[in-house]
Amino acid sequence: MIPKQKKNTQKLAVAVLLTMLLSMVIGPHKASAFFQDNTEQEIEYNLYKGEVIDSKTKKPLVFASLAIEESNISTITNTEGEFSLKIPKDVSNANVIVSFLGYSTKTIPLSQLNKEKNKIIMTSSVTELPEVNIAVPKNAEELVREVLKKKGENYFDDPTLMTAFYRETIKKRRKNVSLSEAVVNIYKTPYNSFKKDGVKLYKARKSTDYDKLDTVALKLQGGPFNALFVDIMKYPEYIFSQETLDHYVFKFDHSTRVNDKLVYVINFEQSTQVIDPLYKGKLYIDAENKILTSAIYSLNITDKDLAAKLFVRRKPRNAQVWPTDVAYRVDYREKNGKWYYSYSNVLLEFKINWDKRLFNSVYSMTCEMAVTDWKKNLVTEFPKAKDRIKTSIILSDEAIGFADPDFWGQYNIIEPEKSIESAIKKIQRQLRRANADGGTSTP
């Protein structure tokens, strides 16, 4: 047992992950991210739906990217590999660019897509190393250390005010139990600063049906911070601290290309000599500039009882609860040579075994956040403590006080099976109107 290592793991579980609060009840997503320029008028759209799968395994590709060539219209597949892509009706001759890390990019004329049941098959690609103009690192761990060291050079170095859309979902098997959504202002501090980001809740709403949970009510603690702290480059201490870096084994995988740029793919997993649960996954690093562009990883659940202690705060006495899967994703975007956090997703699946019951219960809890707009925080504005939300927030409880039918307008009913892309599109007009009226600090 390594004391320091255990301390870091616990800190991550409490501050970052989807912490569960289980309590007795008394009495009777599908995820995707979207980035698109604001429009000043209502536009009619064509909607295209389908799935993206691997050519060999036929398994769905989660978070594959679909974008209209030479535009800002894009979306990504959800947790089942399905996509929903809205295209203005006046766009007819465009190409859809489909990309996924480690796979050959595919270009599909929009005219070849059907409105429903499109099946896009992707083929894995291998890029031979080395590239002519790029020196190939010999040691994967040294490359990771270099990337972390250069975060002050490659990522935003000015205070930034971001607007983000946040969503969290609880499901019992495939049935939606609780869904909460919020628009938040993120007061992002420079990447080379040790000061943590501040978050201010702007609008929030919820829809719950606890009757589907039988005898427990599940709540997520941490709200938007669950997604925000997955920003590895801002918060490396939660996964790659100076102490825990030595507890991982890093290896080069086949490199790939994203937007015609060479990207190194590095696999990492905890050393076999390490007992406490750490993480395993892939890091995608821009080869030329040594920049982390994306990361996909999961908790190595070697001991379900220990994992349960990390996540479960309270539970019924007659139940055993443990996570079966804890997975993360974070993506970064580039603007004028600087990179910034743009999207993250966290998924927690777990089981509950009840005493004297034949069957167990299976639940999933998901949170995701996408940055919809940002600007430099030139006056270094930072909300006072009383105005910032705490890392212990339970959004489903706080949403009551921030519900605003006038803001959500005709979209005041939460659609649990709609993507985050769809939700963001619907609130853009309200955000612009509120901003124009001076009713919010949203950029």
Protein backbone atom coordinates (compact mmCIF):
# COMPACT_ATOMS: atom_id res chain seq x y z
CA MET A 1 0.00 0.00 0.00
CA ILE A 2 1.34 3.43 -0.94
CA PRO A 3 -0.10 6.04 1.45
CA LYS A 4 0.43 9.07 -0.80
CA GLN A 5 -1.08 7.29 -3.76
CA LYS A 6 -4.17 6.31 -1.83
CA LYS A 7 -4.64 9.88 -0.65
CA ASN A 8 -4.64 11.18 -4.21
CA THR A 9 -7.10 8.54 -5.39
CA GLN A 10 -9.55 9.41 -2.64
CA LYS A 11 -9.23 13.10 -3.42
CA LEU A 12 -10.15 12.42 -7.03
CA ALA A 13 -13.16 10.33 -6.12
CA VAL A 14 -14.62 12.92 -3.77
CA ALA A 15 -13.87 16.03 -5.82
CA VAL A 16 -14.19 14.84 -9.37
CA LEU A 17 -16.17 11.69 -9.87
CA LEU A 18 -19.88 11.14 -9.71
CA THR A 19 -20.25 10.71 -5.98
CA MET A 20 -23.50 8.98 -5.01
CA LEU A 21 -25.75 9.82 -2.10
CA LEU A 22 -28.20 6.97 -1.48
CA SER A 23 -31.03 7.46 1.00
CA MET A 24 -34.37 5.81 1.71
CA VAL A 25 -37.40 7.27 0.01
CA ILE A 26 -40.42 7.73 2.30
CA GLY A 27 -43.91 7.63 0.81
CA PRO A 28 -45.73 7.18 -2.27
CA HIS A 29 -28.63 9.90 -22.51
CA LYS A 30 -27.37 9.64 -24.86
CA ALA A 31 -24.56 12.17 -24.92
CA SER A 32 -23.02 14.31 -27.58
CA ALA A 33 -21.40 17.72 -27.79
CA PHE A 34 -22.02 20.60 -30.17
CA PHE A 35 -20.20 23.74 -31.24
CA GLN A 36 -21.78 26.14 -33.68
CA ASP A 37 -21.82 29.84 -34.32
CA ASN A 38 -24.82 31.76 -33.00
CA THR A 39 -27.48 32.72 -35.53
CA GLU A 40 -29.66 35.76 -35.29
CA GLN A 41 -32.80 34.24 -36.77
CA GLU A 42 -34.83 31.08 -36.83
CA ILE A 43 -33.55 28.63 -39.44
CA GLU A 44 -35.25 25.56 -40.85
CA TYR A 45 -33.22 22.36 -40.62
CA ASN A 46 -32.98 18.88 -42.03
CA LEU A 47 -32.26 16.24 -39.41
CA TYR A 48 -30.04 13.25 -40.19
CA LYS A 49 -29.78 10.30 -37.82
CA GLY A 50 -27.69 7.15 -37.76
CA GLU A 51 -24.78 5.37 -36.14
CA VAL A 52 -21.01 5.10 -36.55
CA ILE A 53 -19.44 1.65 -36.14
CA ASP A 54 -16.11 -0.16 -36.42
CA SER A 55 -15.67 -2.01 -39.74
CA LYS A 56 -14.37 -5.20 -38.12
CA THR A 57 -16.05 -5.53 -34.74
CA LYS A 58 -19.28 -3.73 -35.74
CA LYS A 59 -19.19 -2.11 -32.32
CA PRO A 60 -20.39 1.50 -31.96
CA LEU A 61 -17.78 4.26 -31.88
CA VAL A 62 -18.54 6.52 -28.94
CA PHE A 63 -17.81 10.26 -29.41
CA ALA A 64 -16.97 10.00 -33.11
CA SER A 65 -17.04 13.47 -34.68
CA LEU A 66 -19.28 14.52 -37.57
CA ALA A 67 -18.79 17.97 -39.09
CA ILE A 68 -19.95 19.83 -42.17
CA GLU A 69 -16.94 20.74 -44.28
CA GLU A 70 -15.91 24.42 -44.15
CA SER A 71 -18.44 25.27 -41.44
CA ASN A 72 -18.83 25.29 -37.66
CA ILE A 73 -21.68 22.76 -37.71
CA SER A 74 -20.67 19.61 -35.88
CA THR A 75 -21.78 16.96 -33.43
CA ILE A 76 -20.44 13.76 -31.90
CA THR A 77 -21.95 10.32 -31.44
CA ASN A 78 -23.48 9.43 -28.11
CA THR A 79 -22.67 6.60 -25.72
CA GLU A 80 -24.30 4.11 -28.10
CA GLY A 81 -22.54 5.36 -31.24
CA GLU A 82 -25.65 7.15 -32.52
CA PHE A 83 -25.75 10.67 -33.92
CA SER A 84 -28.28 13.38 -34.69
CA LEU A 85 -27.02 16.02 -37.11
CA LYS A 86 -29.00 19.19 -37.89
CA ILE A 87 -28.23 20.88 -41.23
CA PRO A 88 -29.82 24.13 -42.44
CA LYS A 89 -32.12 23.39 -45.36
CA ASP A 90 -30.25 25.82 -47.58
CA VAL A 91 -27.12 23.64 -47.24
CA SER A 92 -27.39 20.87 -49.81
CA ASN A 93 -24.04 20.37 -51.59
CA ALA A 94 -21.85 20.07 -48.50
CA ASN A 95 -19.71 17.15 -47.37
CA VAL A 96 -19.91 15.51 -43.95
CA ILE A 97 -16.49 14.81 -42.44
CA VAL A 98 -16.55 11.84 -40.06
CA SER A 99 -13.51 11.31 -37.85
CA PHE A 100 -12.53 9.22 -34.88
CA LEU A 101 -9.16 8.95 -33.18
CA GLY A 102 -7.28 5.98 -34.60
CA TYR A 103 -9.51 5.66 -37.68
CA SER A 104 -9.29 6.90 -41.27
CA THR A 105 -11.33 10.06 -41.77
CA LYS A 106 -14.33 9.60 -44.05
CA THR A 107 -15.89 12.23 -46.33
CA ILE A 108 -19.54 11.67 -47.25
CA PRO A 109 -21.56 13.90 -49.59
CA LEU A 110 -24.64 15.14 -47.76
CA SER A 111 -26.75 13.98 -50.69
CA GLN A 112 -25.83 10.37 -49.87
CA LEU A 113 -27.25 10.50 -46.34
CA ASN A 114 -30.76 9.38 -45.51
CA LYS A 115 -32.90 11.09 -42.91
CA GLU A 116 -32.91 7.94 -40.73
CA LYS A 117 -30.88 4.78 -40.09
CA ASN A 118 -27.58 5.85 -41.63
CA LYS A 119 -24.78 3.40 -40.89
CA ILE A 120 -21.29 4.87 -41.22
CA ILE A 121 -18.52 2.27 -41.13
CA MET A 122 -15.06 3.40 -40.04
CA THR A 123 -11.76 1.62 -40.69
CA SER A 124 -8.86 1.77 -38.25
CA SER A 125 -5.74 3.49 -39.59
CA VAL A 126 -2.06 3.13 -38.86
CA THR A 127 0.41 5.95 -39.45
CA GLU A 128 3.98 4.84 -39.77
CA LEU A 129 6.58 6.62 -37.64
CA PRO A 130 8.67 8.65 -37.96
CA GLU A 131 7.39 11.70 -39.82
CA VAL A 132 9.93 13.59 -41.90
CA ASN A 133 9.86 16.90 -40.03
CA ILE A 134 9.09 15.65 -36.52
CA ALA A 135 11.56 14.08 -34.14
CA VAL A 136 10.01 10.92 -32.72
CA PRO A 137 10.21 10.68 -28.92
CA LYS A 138 11.89 7.53 -27.69
CA ASN A 139 10.15 7.41 -24.33
CA ALA A 140 6.39 7.70 -23.91
CA GLU A 141 6.59 8.73 -20.25
CA GLU A 142 9.06 11.52 -21.03
CA LEU A 143 6.65 12.84 -23.67
CA VAL A 144 3.77 12.91 -21.17
CA ARG A 145 5.94 14.75 -18.67
CA GLU A 146 6.94 17.27 -21.34
CA VAL A 147 3.29 17.88 -22.27
CA LEU A 148 2.35 18.53 -18.64
CA LYS A 149 5.34 20.80 -18.19
CA LYS A 150 4.44 22.95 -21.21
CA LYS A 151 0.81 23.60 -20.23
CA GLY A 152 1.61 27.24 -19.45
CA GLU A 153 2.86 27.74 -23.00
CA ASN A 154 0.23 25.88 -25.01
CA TYR A 155 -3.02 26.52 -23.14
CA PHE A 156 -4.88 29.70 -22.24
CA ASP A 157 -2.60 31.93 -20.16
CA ASP A 158 -5.20 34.67 -19.54
CA PRO A 159 -8.19 34.60 -17.20
CA THR A 160 -11.17 33.53 -19.31
CA LEU A 161 -14.91 33.79 -18.81
CA MET A 162 -16.71 30.82 -20.35
CA THR A 163 -20.35 29.96 -20.81
CA ALA A 164 -21.08 26.23 -20.62
CA PHE A 165 -24.07 23.93 -20.79
CA TYR A 166 -24.07 21.14 -18.20
CA ARG A 167 -26.24 18.04 -17.99
CA GLU A 168 -26.42 15.12 -15.56
CA THR A 169 -28.54 12.02 -15.91
CA ILE A 170 -29.49 9.06 -13.70
CA LYS A 171 -30.89 5.91 -15.25
CA LYS A 172 -32.12 2.60 -13.90
CA ARG A 173 -31.09 0.26 -16.68
CA ARG A 174 -32.56 2.08 -19.70
CA LYS A 175 -35.21 4.08 -17.85
CA ASN A 176 -34.55 7.76 -17.15
CA VAL A 177 -35.00 8.59 -13.49
CA SER A 178 -33.53 12.05 -13.10
CA LEU A 179 -32.18 14.66 -15.48
CA SER A 180 -30.82 18.07 -14.53
CA GLU A 181 -29.53 20.79 -16.85
CA ALA A 182 -27.81 24.09 -16.19
CA VAL A 183 -26.19 27.03 -17.88
CA VAL A 184 -23.11 28.07 -15.91
CA ASN A 185 -20.45 30.75 -16.07
CA ILE A 186 -16.94 29.37 -15.63
CA TYR A 187 -14.32 31.79 -14.39
CA LYS A 188 -11.34 29.95 -15.85
CA THR A 189 -7.98 30.80 -14.35
CA PRO A 190 -4.77 30.53 -16.42
CA TYR A 191 -3.46 27.00 -16.93
CA ASN A 192 -0.19 27.89 -15.23
CA SER A 193 -2.04 29.15 -12.15
CA PHE A 194 -2.67 26.99 -9.08
CA LYS A 195 -5.90 28.89 -8.40
CA LYS A 196 -8.96 26.74 -9.04
CA ASP A 197 -11.67 27.79 -11.45
CA GLY A 198 -14.83 29.40 -10.14
CA VAL A 199 -18.32 28.43 -11.29
CA LYS A 200 -21.47 30.50 -11.03
CA LEU A 201 -24.88 29.01 -11.65
CA TYR A 202 -26.94 31.04 -14.11
CA LYS A 203 -29.99 28.90 -14.90
CA ALA A 204 -30.91 25.34 -13.94
CA ARG A 205 -33.85 22.96 -14.15
CA LYS A 206 -34.62 19.33 -13.42
CA SER A 207 -37.00 16.49 -14.14
CA THR A 208 -37.20 13.54 -11.74
CA ASP A 209 -39.26 10.40 -11.34
CA TYR A 210 -37.96 8.73 -8.19
CA ASP A 211 -40.77 6.17 -8.31
CA LYS A 212 -38.64 4.28 -10.83
CA LEU A 213 -35.89 3.85 -8.23
CA ASP A 214 -37.89 1.47 -6.04
CA THR A 215 -36.60 2.18 -2.54
CA VAL A 216 -33.66 4.56 -3.04
CA ALA A 217 -33.15 8.10 -4.20
CA LEU A 218 -29.85 8.74 -5.98
CA LYS A 219 -28.22 12.15 -6.09
CA LEU A 220 -24.99 13.35 -7.66
CA GLN A 221 -22.70 15.50 -5.56
CA GLY A 222 -20.40 17.99 -7.26
CA GLY A 223 -22.53 19.15 -10.17
CA PRO A 224 -20.51 20.93 -12.90
CA PHE A 225 -17.25 20.34 -11.00
CA ASN A 226 -17.58 16.62 -11.83
CA ALA A 227 -16.99 17.52 -15.47
CA LEU A 228 -14.72 20.52 -14.97
CA PHE A 229 -12.11 18.71 -12.88
CA VAL A 230 -11.62 16.18 -15.68
CA ASP A 231 -9.58 18.93 -17.38
CA ILE A 232 -6.27 17.06 -17.01
CA MET A 233 -4.11 19.98 -18.11
CA LYS A 234 -5.61 22.28 -15.48
CA TYR A 235 -5.88 19.64 -12.75
CA PRO A 236 -3.16 17.03 -13.43
CA GLU A 237 -2.89 16.27 -9.72
CA TYR A 238 -6.14 14.30 -9.86
CA ILE A 239 -4.62 11.67 -12.16
CA PHE A 240 -0.95 12.42 -12.96
CA SER A 241 0.56 14.01 -9.88
CA GLN A 242 4.33 14.05 -9.48
CA GLU A 243 3.98 11.14 -7.09
CA THR A 244 1.59 8.97 -9.12
CA LEU A 245 3.28 9.42 -12.51
CA ASP A 246 5.83 6.83 -11.40
CA HIS A 247 3.01 4.36 -10.76
CA TYR A 248 2.01 4.18 -14.44
CA VAL A 249 3.39 2.40 -17.47
CA PHE A 250 3.24 4.48 -20.68
CA LYS A 251 3.53 2.94 -24.15
CA PHE A 252 3.19 4.26 -27.70
CA ASP A 253 0.23 2.95 -29.68
CA HIS A 254 -0.23 3.41 -33.43
CA SER A 255 -0.26 7.11 -34.21
CA THR A 256 -3.10 8.68 -36.13
CA ARG A 257 -4.08 11.90 -37.86
CA VAL A 258 -6.66 14.48 -36.83
CA ASN A 259 -7.34 17.40 -39.16
CA ASP A 260 -4.22 16.47 -41.14
CA LYS A 261 -2.03 16.72 -38.06
CA LEU A 262 0.00 13.83 -36.72
CA VAL A 263 -1.21 12.72 -33.30
CA TYR A 264 0.68 10.35 -31.01
CA VAL A 265 -1.50 7.87 -29.17
CA ILE A 266 -0.13 6.81 -25.78
CA ASN A 267 -1.62 3.96 -23.80
CA PHE A 268 -1.22 4.10 -20.04
CA GLU A 269 -2.07 1.74 -17.20
CA GLN A 270 -1.04 1.32 -13.61
CA SER A 271 2.01 -0.74 -12.78
CA THR A 272 1.35 -4.33 -11.74
CA GLN A 273 3.16 -3.56 -8.48
CA VAL A 274 0.57 -0.95 -7.53
CA ILE A 275 -2.35 -2.24 -5.47
CA ASP A 276 -4.64 0.77 -5.15
CA PRO A 277 -6.96 1.46 -8.11
CA LEU A 278 -5.61 4.04 -10.55
CA TYR A 279 -6.46 4.62 -14.21
CA LYS A 280 -5.95 3.22 -17.69
CA GLY A 281 -6.63 4.76 -21.06
CA LYS A 282 -5.30 6.70 -24.02
CA LEU A 283 -3.75 10.14 -24.41
CA TYR A 284 -3.86 11.89 -27.80
CA ILE A 285 -0.94 14.29 -28.22
CA ASP A 286 -0.29 16.68 -31.08
CA ALA A 287 3.09 15.45 -32.36
CA GLU A 288 4.45 18.78 -33.57
CA ASN A 289 3.61 20.99 -30.60
CA LYS A 290 3.44 18.38 -27.80
CA ILE A 291 -0.13 19.28 -26.82
CA LEU A 292 -2.77 17.04 -25.25
CA THR A 293 -5.80 17.31 -27.53
CA SER A 294 -7.95 14.58 -25.99
CA ALA A 295 -7.92 11.86 -23.34
CA ILE A 296 -10.13 8.82 -22.78
CA TYR A 297 -9.61 6.78 -19.63
CA SER A 298 -11.31 4.76 -16.91
CA LEU A 299 -10.81 3.69 -13.33
CA ASN A 300 -9.14 0.31 -12.89
CA ILE A 301 -11.61 -1.37 -10.54
CA THR A 302 -9.45 -4.10 -9.03
CA ASP A 303 -11.25 -4.15 -5.67
CA LYS A 304 -14.99 -3.44 -5.77
CA ASP A 305 -15.21 -2.87 -2.00
CA LEU A 306 -12.43 -0.26 -2.12
CA ALA A 307 -14.03 1.37 -5.16
CA ALA A 308 -17.35 1.48 -3.32
CA LYS A 309 -15.73 3.36 -0.43
CA LEU A 310 -14.47 5.97 -2.89
CA PHE A 311 -17.89 6.70 -4.35
CA VAL A 312 -20.75 5.76 -2.05
CA ARG A 313 -21.41 8.29 0.69
CA ARG A 314 -24.60 6.80 2.13
CA LYS A 315 -26.58 3.70 1.34
CA PRO A 316 -29.37 1.56 2.78
CA ARG A 317 -28.17 -0.97 5.37
CA ASN A 318 -29.69 -3.89 3.50
CA ALA A 319 -27.82 -3.19 0.26
CA GLN A 320 -24.34 -3.68 -1.18
CA VAL A 321 -23.33 -1.03 -3.71
CA TRP A 322 -20.27 -0.93 -5.95
CA PRO A 323 -19.27 0.67 -9.28
CA THR A 324 -18.75 -1.61 -12.28
CA ASP A 325 -17.46 1.06 -14.69
CA VAL A 326 -16.10 4.59 -14.24
CA ALA A 327 -15.10 6.27 -17.51
CA TYR A 328 -13.93 9.74 -18.57
CA ARG A 329 -13.33 11.81 -21.66
CA VAL A 330 -11.94 15.33 -22.11
CA ASP A 331 -11.47 17.29 -25.33
CA TYR A 332 -9.58 20.50 -26.04
CA ARG A 333 -9.96 23.02 -28.85
CA GLU A 334 -7.51 25.48 -30.37
CA LYS A 335 -7.96 29.20 -30.99
CA ASN A 336 -5.18 31.45 -32.27
CA GLY A 337 -2.47 29.00 -31.27
CA LYS A 338 -3.77 28.45 -27.73
CA TRP A 339 -5.77 25.46 -26.50
CA TYR A 340 -8.59 25.34 -23.97
CA TYR A 341 -11.02 22.94 -22.30
CA SER A 342 -14.08 22.47 -24.49
CA TYR A 343 -15.92 19.28 -23.48
CA SER A 344 -15.85 16.48 -20.93
CA ASN A 345 -17.95 13.48 -20.06
CA VAL A 346 -18.04 11.18 -17.03
CA LEU A 347 -19.92 7.90 -16.80
CA LEU A 348 -20.46 5.81 -13.67
CA GLU A 349 -22.26 2.47 -13.76
CA PHE A 350 -22.93 0.51 -10.60
CA LYS A 351 -24.92 -2.34 -9.10
CA ILE A 352 -26.98 -2.67 -5.96
CA ASN A 353 -27.40 -6.08 -4.39
CA TRP A 354 -30.28 -6.22 -1.96
CA ASP A 355 -30.47 -8.64 0.93
CA LYS A 356 -33.08 -11.36 0.43
CA ARG A 357 -33.67 -10.35 -3.20
CA LEU A 358 -32.97 -12.61 -6.13
CA PHE A 359 -32.06 -9.91 -8.68
CA ASN A 360 -29.77 -6.89 -8.41
CA SER A 361 -30.41 -3.37 -9.66
CA VAL A 362 -28.24 -1.70 -12.31
CA TYR A 363 -27.89 2.08 -12.53
CA SER A 364 -25.91 4.54 -14.61
CA MET A 365 -25.05 8.14 -13.83
CA THR A 366 -23.67 10.47 -16.50
CA CYS A 367 -22.56 14.07 -16.52
CA GLU A 368 -21.22 16.13 -19.40
CA MET A 369 -20.37 19.75 -20.03
CA ALA A 370 -19.71 21.65 -23.25
CA VAL A 371 -18.31 25.18 -23.55
CA THR A 372 -20.63 27.18 -25.81
CA ASP A 373 -18.83 30.54 -25.74
CA TRP A 374 -15.89 32.30 -24.13
CA LYS A 375 -14.05 35.60 -23.94
CA LYS A 376 -11.00 36.92 -22.13
CA ASN A 377 -11.75 38.05 -18.60
CA LEU A 378 -9.85 41.32 -19.04
CA VAL A 379 -10.95 42.82 -15.73
CA THR A 380 -10.06 39.54 -13.97
CA GLU A 381 -13.58 39.39 -12.57
CA PHE A 382 -14.08 36.54 -10.10
CA PRO A 383 -17.32 35.99 -8.19
CA LYS A 384 -17.37 36.26 -4.43
CA ALA A 385 -17.52 33.07 -2.40
CA LYS A 386 -21.22 33.55 -1.63
CA ASP A 387 -22.01 33.73 -5.35
CA ARG A 388 -19.93 30.73 -6.44
CA ILE A 389 -21.33 27.24 -6.28
CA LYS A 390 -19.51 24.80 -4.00
CA THR A 391 -17.84 21.58 -5.08
CA SER A 392 -20.35 19.77 -2.85
CA ILE A 393 -23.38 21.09 -4.75
CA ILE A 394 -26.25 18.72 -5.57
CA LEU A 395 -27.64 20.28 -8.72
CA SER A 396 -30.96 18.45 -8.59
CA ASP A 397 -31.63 20.17 -5.25
CA GLU A 398 -30.41 23.62 -6.34
CA ALA A 399 -32.28 23.60 -9.67
CA ILE A 400 -35.57 24.50 -7.98
CA GLY A 401 -34.42 28.00 -7.12
CA PHE A 402 -32.95 28.65 -10.56
CA ALA A 403 -35.81 27.39 -12.71
CA ASP A 404 -37.00 30.13 -15.07
CA PRO A 405 -39.86 29.32 -17.48
CA ASP A 406 -39.30 32.62 -19.29
CA PHE A 407 -35.69 31.68 -20.02
CA TRP A 408 -36.37 28.12 -21.17
CA GLY A 409 -39.39 29.38 -23.11
CA GLN A 410 -41.14 26.81 -25.25
CA TYR A 411 -38.37 24.36 -24.38
CA ASN A 412 -39.35 24.18 -20.71
CA ILE A 413 -39.83 20.40 -20.93
CA ILE A 414 -36.62 18.42 -20.64
CA GLU A 415 -36.24 15.84 -23.38
CA PRO A 416 -34.09 13.10 -21.80
CA GLU A 417 -33.23 11.33 -25.03
CA LYS A 418 -32.10 14.46 -26.84
CA SER A 419 -28.39 15.14 -27.19
CA ILE A 420 -26.59 17.96 -25.43
CA GLU A 421 -26.10 19.40 -28.93
CA SER A 422 -29.85 19.71 -29.33
CA ALA A 423 -30.26 21.31 -25.90
CA ILE A 424 -27.54 23.88 -26.57
CA LYS A 425 -29.12 24.85 -29.86
CA LYS A 426 -32.43 25.52 -28.14
CA ILE A 427 -31.02 27.85 -25.49
CA GLN A 428 -28.74 29.93 -27.75
CA ARG A 429 -31.51 32.38 -28.57
CA GLN A 430 -32.43 32.85 -24.91
CA LEU A 431 -28.80 33.41 -23.97
CA ARG A 432 -28.39 36.09 -26.64
CA ARG A 433 -31.58 37.80 -25.57
CA ALA A 434 -30.59 37.76 -21.89
CA ASN A 435 -27.15 39.08 -22.74
CA ALA A 436 -28.58 41.89 -24.85
CA ASP A 437 -30.90 42.89 -22.00
CA GLY A 438 -27.98 43.03 -19.58
CA GLY A 439 -29.57 40.45 -17.36
CA THR A 440 -26.55 38.17 -17.10
CA SER A 441 -22.79 38.15 -17.10
CA THR A 442 -22.84 35.40 -19.70
CA PRO A 443 -20.31 36.21 -22.45
